[in-house]
Amino acid sequence: MFVLAVGLVLVAGGVAGAAVGAARVGRHEARTAADLGALAGAMRAIEGRQAACARAAELAAANGGHLTSCRLEGFDVVIEVETVVTPLPGLTTHASAAARAGPIRG
């Protein structure tokens, strides 16, 4: 009986560790998609908000994210991205991240 209880605790700990790991990976994916999307959008900022945000959305989607917000502040592109995270079978949540990119200021 004791061995069974110890085994159950170890399995539960493994499942919890896997769920935390999946959540952290999802957060990193959201950050990566946001950073790369903002950089890509900043390269098109001179063409206007529509071109910059379209390019940012394209790169965010290519990196597993979904663009939820995009705005142009001068030549800075500020975006927010969400990714879908499945830490456990049957449990789905979202991780989000924001990023800003623009020209270097002196």
N, C-alpha and C. Protein backbone atom coordinates (compact mmCIF):
# COMPACT_ATOMS: atom_id res chain seq x y z
N MET A 1 0.82 -1.18 0.00
CA MET A 1 0.00 0.00 0.00
C MET A 1 0.88 1.26 0.00
N PHE A 2 1.94 1.24 0.80
CA PHE A 2 2.84 2.39 0.88
C PHE A 2 3.54 2.62 -0.45
N VAL A 3 3.99 1.57 -1.10
CA VAL A 3 4.67 1.69 -2.39
C VAL A 3 3.72 2.27 -3.44
N LEU A 4 2.48 1.88 -3.40
CA LEU A 4 1.48 2.41 -4.33
C LEU A 4 1.27 3.91 -4.10
N ALA A 5 1.21 4.32 -2.84
CA ALA A 5 1.04 5.74 -2.52
C ALA A 5 2.24 6.56 -2.99
N VAL A 6 3.45 6.05 -2.78
CA VAL A 6 4.66 6.74 -3.23
C VAL A 6 4.68 6.84 -4.76
N GLY A 7 4.30 5.78 -5.41
CA GLY A 7 4.24 5.80 -6.88
C GLY A 7 3.24 6.83 -7.39
N LEU A 8 2.09 6.93 -6.73
CA LEU A 8 1.08 7.90 -7.12
C LEU A 8 1.58 9.33 -6.92
N VAL A 9 2.29 9.58 -5.85
CA VAL A 9 2.87 10.91 -5.61
C VAL A 9 3.90 11.24 -6.68
N LEU A 10 4.71 10.29 -7.06
CA LEU A 10 5.71 10.53 -8.10
C LEU A 10 5.07 10.81 -9.46
N VAL A 11 4.02 10.08 -9.79
CA VAL A 11 3.32 10.32 -11.05
C VAL A 11 2.65 11.70 -11.03
N ALA A 12 2.02 12.06 -9.94
CA ALA A 12 1.38 13.38 -9.83
C ALA A 12 2.42 14.49 -9.94
N GLY A 13 3.57 14.29 -9.33
CA GLY A 13 4.65 15.28 -9.44
C GLY A 13 5.15 15.41 -10.87
N GLY A 14 5.24 14.32 -11.57
CA GLY A 14 5.65 14.35 -12.98
C GLY A 14 4.65 15.06 -13.86
N VAL A 15 3.37 14.82 -13.63
CA VAL A 15 2.33 15.48 -14.41
C VAL A 15 2.33 16.98 -14.13
N ALA A 16 2.48 17.36 -12.87
CA ALA A 16 2.53 18.78 -12.52
C ALA A 16 3.75 19.45 -13.14
N GLY A 17 4.89 18.77 -13.12
CA GLY A 17 6.10 19.32 -13.74
C GLY A 17 5.94 19.49 -15.24
N ALA A 18 5.29 18.54 -15.88
CA ALA A 18 5.06 18.64 -17.32
C ALA A 18 4.12 19.80 -17.64
N ALA A 19 3.12 20.02 -16.81
CA ALA A 19 2.18 21.13 -17.04
C ALA A 19 2.88 22.47 -16.88
N VAL A 20 3.71 22.61 -15.86
CA VAL A 20 4.46 23.85 -15.67
C VAL A 20 5.43 24.06 -16.83
N GLY A 21 6.07 23.02 -17.26
CA GLY A 21 6.99 23.13 -18.40
C GLY A 21 6.29 23.56 -19.67
N ALA A 22 5.12 23.00 -19.94
CA ALA A 22 4.35 23.38 -21.13
C ALA A 22 3.92 24.84 -21.06
N ALA A 23 3.53 25.30 -19.88
CA ALA A 23 3.14 26.70 -19.72
C ALA A 23 4.32 27.64 -19.97
N ARG A 24 5.49 27.27 -19.49
CA ARG A 24 6.67 28.11 -19.70
C ARG A 24 7.08 28.13 -21.17
N VAL A 25 6.98 27.00 -21.83
CA VAL A 25 7.30 26.95 -23.26
C VAL A 25 6.32 27.83 -24.04
N GLY A 26 5.05 27.79 -23.68
CA GLY A 26 4.06 28.63 -24.34
C GLY A 26 4.35 30.10 -24.16
N ARG A 27 4.77 30.47 -22.97
CA ARG A 27 5.12 31.88 -22.71
C ARG A 27 6.33 32.30 -23.55
N HIS A 28 7.32 31.43 -23.66
CA HIS A 28 8.49 31.74 -24.49
C HIS A 28 8.11 31.85 -25.97
N GLU A 29 7.21 30.99 -26.43
CA GLU A 29 6.75 31.07 -27.82
C GLU A 29 6.03 32.40 -28.07
N ALA A 30 5.22 32.83 -27.11
CA ALA A 30 4.52 34.10 -27.25
C ALA A 30 5.51 35.26 -27.31
N ARG A 31 6.52 35.24 -26.45
CA ARG A 31 7.54 36.29 -26.47
C ARG A 31 8.28 36.32 -27.80
N THR A 32 8.66 35.15 -28.29
CA THR A 32 9.38 35.08 -29.56
C THR A 32 8.53 35.60 -30.70
N ALA A 33 7.27 35.19 -30.75
CA ALA A 33 6.38 35.65 -31.82
C ALA A 33 6.18 37.16 -31.73
N ALA A 34 6.05 37.70 -30.52
CA ALA A 34 5.86 39.13 -30.35
C ALA A 34 7.12 39.91 -30.76
N ASP A 35 8.27 39.45 -30.32
CA ASP A 35 9.53 40.14 -30.67
C ASP A 35 9.77 40.15 -32.17
N LEU A 36 9.64 39.01 -32.80
CA LEU A 36 9.88 38.94 -34.24
C LEU A 36 8.82 39.69 -35.03
N GLY A 37 7.58 39.64 -34.58
CA GLY A 37 6.52 40.39 -35.25
C GLY A 37 6.74 41.89 -35.15
N ALA A 38 7.16 42.36 -33.98
CA ALA A 38 7.41 43.80 -33.81
C ALA A 38 8.58 44.25 -34.68
N LEU A 39 9.62 43.45 -34.74
CA LEU A 39 10.76 43.81 -35.59
C LEU A 39 10.35 43.86 -37.07
N ALA A 40 9.57 42.89 -37.49
CA ALA A 40 9.13 42.87 -38.89
C ALA A 40 8.21 44.05 -39.18
N GLY A 41 7.34 44.38 -38.25
CA GLY A 41 6.45 45.52 -38.43
C GLY A 41 7.19 46.83 -38.45
N ALA A 42 8.23 46.95 -37.64
CA ALA A 42 9.01 48.18 -37.59
C ALA A 42 9.71 48.45 -38.92
N MET A 43 10.05 47.39 -39.63
CA MET A 43 10.68 47.58 -40.93
C MET A 43 9.71 48.17 -41.95
N ARG A 44 8.41 48.03 -41.70
CA ARG A 44 7.40 48.57 -42.61
C ARG A 44 6.69 49.80 -42.02
N ALA A 45 7.17 50.33 -40.91
CA ALA A 45 6.50 51.44 -40.25
C ALA A 45 6.42 52.67 -41.13
N ILE A 46 7.39 52.89 -41.97
CA ILE A 46 7.40 54.05 -42.86
C ILE A 46 6.25 54.00 -43.87
N GLU A 47 5.74 52.79 -44.15
CA GLU A 47 4.64 52.60 -45.09
C GLU A 47 3.27 52.82 -44.46
N GLY A 48 3.22 52.97 -43.15
CA GLY A 48 1.96 53.22 -42.45
C GLY A 48 1.54 52.07 -41.56
N ARG A 49 0.49 52.33 -40.77
CA ARG A 49 0.03 51.36 -39.79
C ARG A 49 -0.45 50.06 -40.43
N GLN A 50 -1.20 50.16 -41.50
CA GLN A 50 -1.77 48.96 -42.11
C GLN A 50 -0.68 48.01 -42.62
N ALA A 51 0.32 48.54 -43.29
CA ALA A 51 1.41 47.69 -43.81
C ALA A 51 2.24 47.12 -42.67
N ALA A 52 2.52 47.95 -41.65
CA ALA A 52 3.33 47.49 -40.52
C ALA A 52 2.62 46.40 -39.73
N CYS A 53 1.34 46.60 -39.47
CA CYS A 53 0.60 45.61 -38.68
C CYS A 53 0.34 44.33 -39.47
N ALA A 54 0.17 44.45 -40.78
CA ALA A 54 -0.01 43.25 -41.60
C ALA A 54 1.25 42.40 -41.57
N ARG A 55 2.41 43.04 -41.70
CA ARG A 55 3.68 42.29 -41.66
C ARG A 55 3.92 41.69 -40.27
N ALA A 56 3.58 42.44 -39.22
CA ALA A 56 3.73 41.93 -37.86
C ALA A 56 2.84 40.71 -37.63
N ALA A 57 1.60 40.78 -38.13
CA ALA A 57 0.69 39.65 -37.98
C ALA A 57 1.19 38.43 -38.73
N GLU A 58 1.76 38.66 -39.90
CA GLU A 58 2.29 37.56 -40.71
C GLU A 58 3.42 36.83 -39.99
N LEU A 59 4.35 37.60 -39.42
CA LEU A 59 5.48 36.97 -38.71
C LEU A 59 5.05 36.35 -37.40
N ALA A 60 4.10 36.97 -36.70
CA ALA A 60 3.60 36.38 -35.46
C ALA A 60 2.93 35.04 -35.74
N ALA A 61 2.14 34.98 -36.80
CA ALA A 61 1.47 33.71 -37.16
C ALA A 61 2.48 32.65 -37.59
N ALA A 62 3.54 33.06 -38.28
CA ALA A 62 4.57 32.10 -38.70
C ALA A 62 5.30 31.51 -37.51
N ASN A 63 5.25 32.20 -36.37
CA ASN A 63 5.91 31.70 -35.16
C ASN A 63 4.92 31.16 -34.14
N GLY A 64 3.72 30.82 -34.59
CA GLY A 64 2.75 30.15 -33.72
C GLY A 64 1.91 31.08 -32.87
N GLY A 65 1.89 32.37 -33.17
CA GLY A 65 1.11 33.31 -32.38
C GLY A 65 -0.04 33.90 -33.16
N HIS A 66 -0.87 34.63 -32.46
CA HIS A 66 -2.00 35.33 -33.06
C HIS A 66 -1.94 36.77 -32.59
N LEU A 67 -1.87 37.71 -33.52
CA LEU A 67 -1.78 39.13 -33.21
C LEU A 67 -3.10 39.61 -32.63
N THR A 68 -3.10 40.13 -31.41
CA THR A 68 -4.33 40.61 -30.78
C THR A 68 -4.42 42.13 -30.77
N SER A 69 -3.27 42.81 -30.87
CA SER A 69 -3.28 44.26 -30.85
C SER A 69 -2.05 44.77 -31.59
N CYS A 70 -2.23 45.86 -32.33
CA CYS A 70 -1.11 46.45 -33.05
C CYS A 70 -1.36 47.95 -33.16
N ARG A 71 -0.37 48.73 -32.80
CA ARG A 71 -0.48 50.17 -32.98
C ARG A 71 0.86 50.76 -33.37
N LEU A 72 0.81 51.88 -34.01
CA LEU A 72 2.00 52.57 -34.48
C LEU A 72 2.12 53.87 -33.68
N GLU A 73 3.23 54.04 -32.99
CA GLU A 73 3.52 55.25 -32.22
C GLU A 73 4.74 55.91 -32.84
N GLY A 74 4.51 56.86 -33.72
CA GLY A 74 5.61 57.42 -34.50
C GLY A 74 6.09 56.34 -35.45
N PHE A 75 7.35 55.96 -35.32
CA PHE A 75 7.87 54.84 -36.10
C PHE A 75 8.05 53.59 -35.25
N ASP A 76 7.54 53.60 -34.03
CA ASP A 76 7.57 52.41 -33.17
C ASP A 76 6.32 51.58 -33.39
N VAL A 77 6.51 50.28 -33.51
CA VAL A 77 5.39 49.34 -33.62
C VAL A 77 5.25 48.64 -32.28
N VAL A 78 4.05 48.68 -31.72
CA VAL A 78 3.77 48.04 -30.43
C VAL A 78 2.69 46.99 -30.69
N ILE A 79 3.01 45.72 -30.41
CA ILE A 79 2.06 44.63 -30.67
C ILE A 79 1.88 43.76 -29.44
N GLU A 80 0.76 43.06 -29.42
CA GLU A 80 0.49 42.04 -28.42
C GLU A 80 0.13 40.75 -29.17
N VAL A 81 0.66 39.65 -28.68
CA VAL A 81 0.48 38.35 -29.33
C VAL A 81 0.02 37.33 -28.31
N GLU A 82 -0.85 36.42 -28.74
CA GLU A 82 -1.29 35.29 -27.92
C GLU A 82 -0.91 33.99 -28.59
N THR A 83 -0.56 33.00 -27.78
CA THR A 83 -0.36 31.64 -28.27
C THR A 83 -1.24 30.70 -27.46
N VAL A 84 -1.63 29.60 -28.06
CA VAL A 84 -2.44 28.59 -27.38
C VAL A 84 -1.51 27.62 -26.67
N VAL A 85 -1.80 27.36 -25.40
CA VAL A 85 -0.99 26.45 -24.59
C VAL A 85 -1.89 25.32 -24.09
N THR A 86 -1.42 24.09 -24.23
CA THR A 86 -2.15 22.93 -23.72
C THR A 86 -1.27 22.23 -22.69
N PRO A 87 -1.32 22.68 -21.42
CA PRO A 87 -0.45 22.06 -20.41
C PRO A 87 -0.84 20.63 -20.06
N LEU A 88 -2.12 20.33 -20.10
CA LEU A 88 -2.62 18.98 -19.83
C LEU A 88 -3.66 18.63 -20.88
N PRO A 89 -3.81 17.37 -21.22
CA PRO A 89 -4.85 16.99 -22.18
C PRO A 89 -6.22 17.45 -21.70
N GLY A 90 -6.94 18.14 -22.57
CA GLY A 90 -8.26 18.65 -22.22
C GLY A 90 -8.25 20.03 -21.59
N LEU A 91 -7.09 20.57 -21.31
CA LEU A 91 -6.98 21.90 -20.71
C LEU A 91 -6.23 22.81 -21.68
N THR A 92 -6.91 23.85 -22.15
CA THR A 92 -6.30 24.78 -23.08
C THR A 92 -6.37 26.18 -22.50
N THR A 93 -5.26 26.90 -22.58
CA THR A 93 -5.18 28.27 -22.09
C THR A 93 -4.36 29.09 -23.07
N HIS A 94 -4.20 30.34 -22.80
CA HIS A 94 -3.47 31.23 -23.69
C HIS A 94 -2.32 31.90 -22.94
N ALA A 95 -1.22 32.08 -23.64
CA ALA A 95 -0.09 32.86 -23.12
C ALA A 95 0.03 34.10 -23.99
N SER A 96 0.29 35.23 -23.38
CA SER A 96 0.38 36.45 -24.16
C SER A 96 1.67 37.19 -23.86
N ALA A 97 2.09 38.00 -24.82
CA ALA A 97 3.29 38.81 -24.65
C ALA A 97 3.15 40.05 -25.51
N ALA A 98 3.85 41.10 -25.13
CA ALA A 98 3.85 42.35 -25.89
C ALA A 98 5.28 42.70 -26.25
N ALA A 99 5.44 43.43 -27.35
CA ALA A 99 6.77 43.85 -27.78
C ALA A 99 6.67 45.19 -28.50
N ARG A 100 7.75 45.92 -28.45
CA ARG A 100 7.87 47.21 -29.12
C ARG A 100 9.17 47.21 -29.90
N ALA A 101 9.12 47.74 -31.11
CA ALA A 101 10.34 47.85 -31.93
C ALA A 101 10.24 49.14 -32.75
N GLY A 102 11.39 49.72 -32.98
CA GLY A 102 11.44 50.95 -33.77
C GLY A 102 12.88 51.37 -33.99
N PRO A 103 13.07 52.55 -34.53
CA PRO A 103 14.43 53.01 -34.81
C PRO A 103 15.22 53.32 -33.54
N ILE A 104 16.52 53.29 -33.68
CA ILE A 104 17.40 53.60 -32.55
C ILE A 104 17.38 55.10 -32.32
N ARG A 105 17.31 55.48 -31.05
CA ARG A 105 17.32 56.89 -30.68
C ARG A 105 18.67 57.23 -30.07
N GLY A 106 19.15 58.38 -30.39
CA GLY A 106 20.47 58.81 -29.90
C GLY A 106 20.47 59.49 -28.58
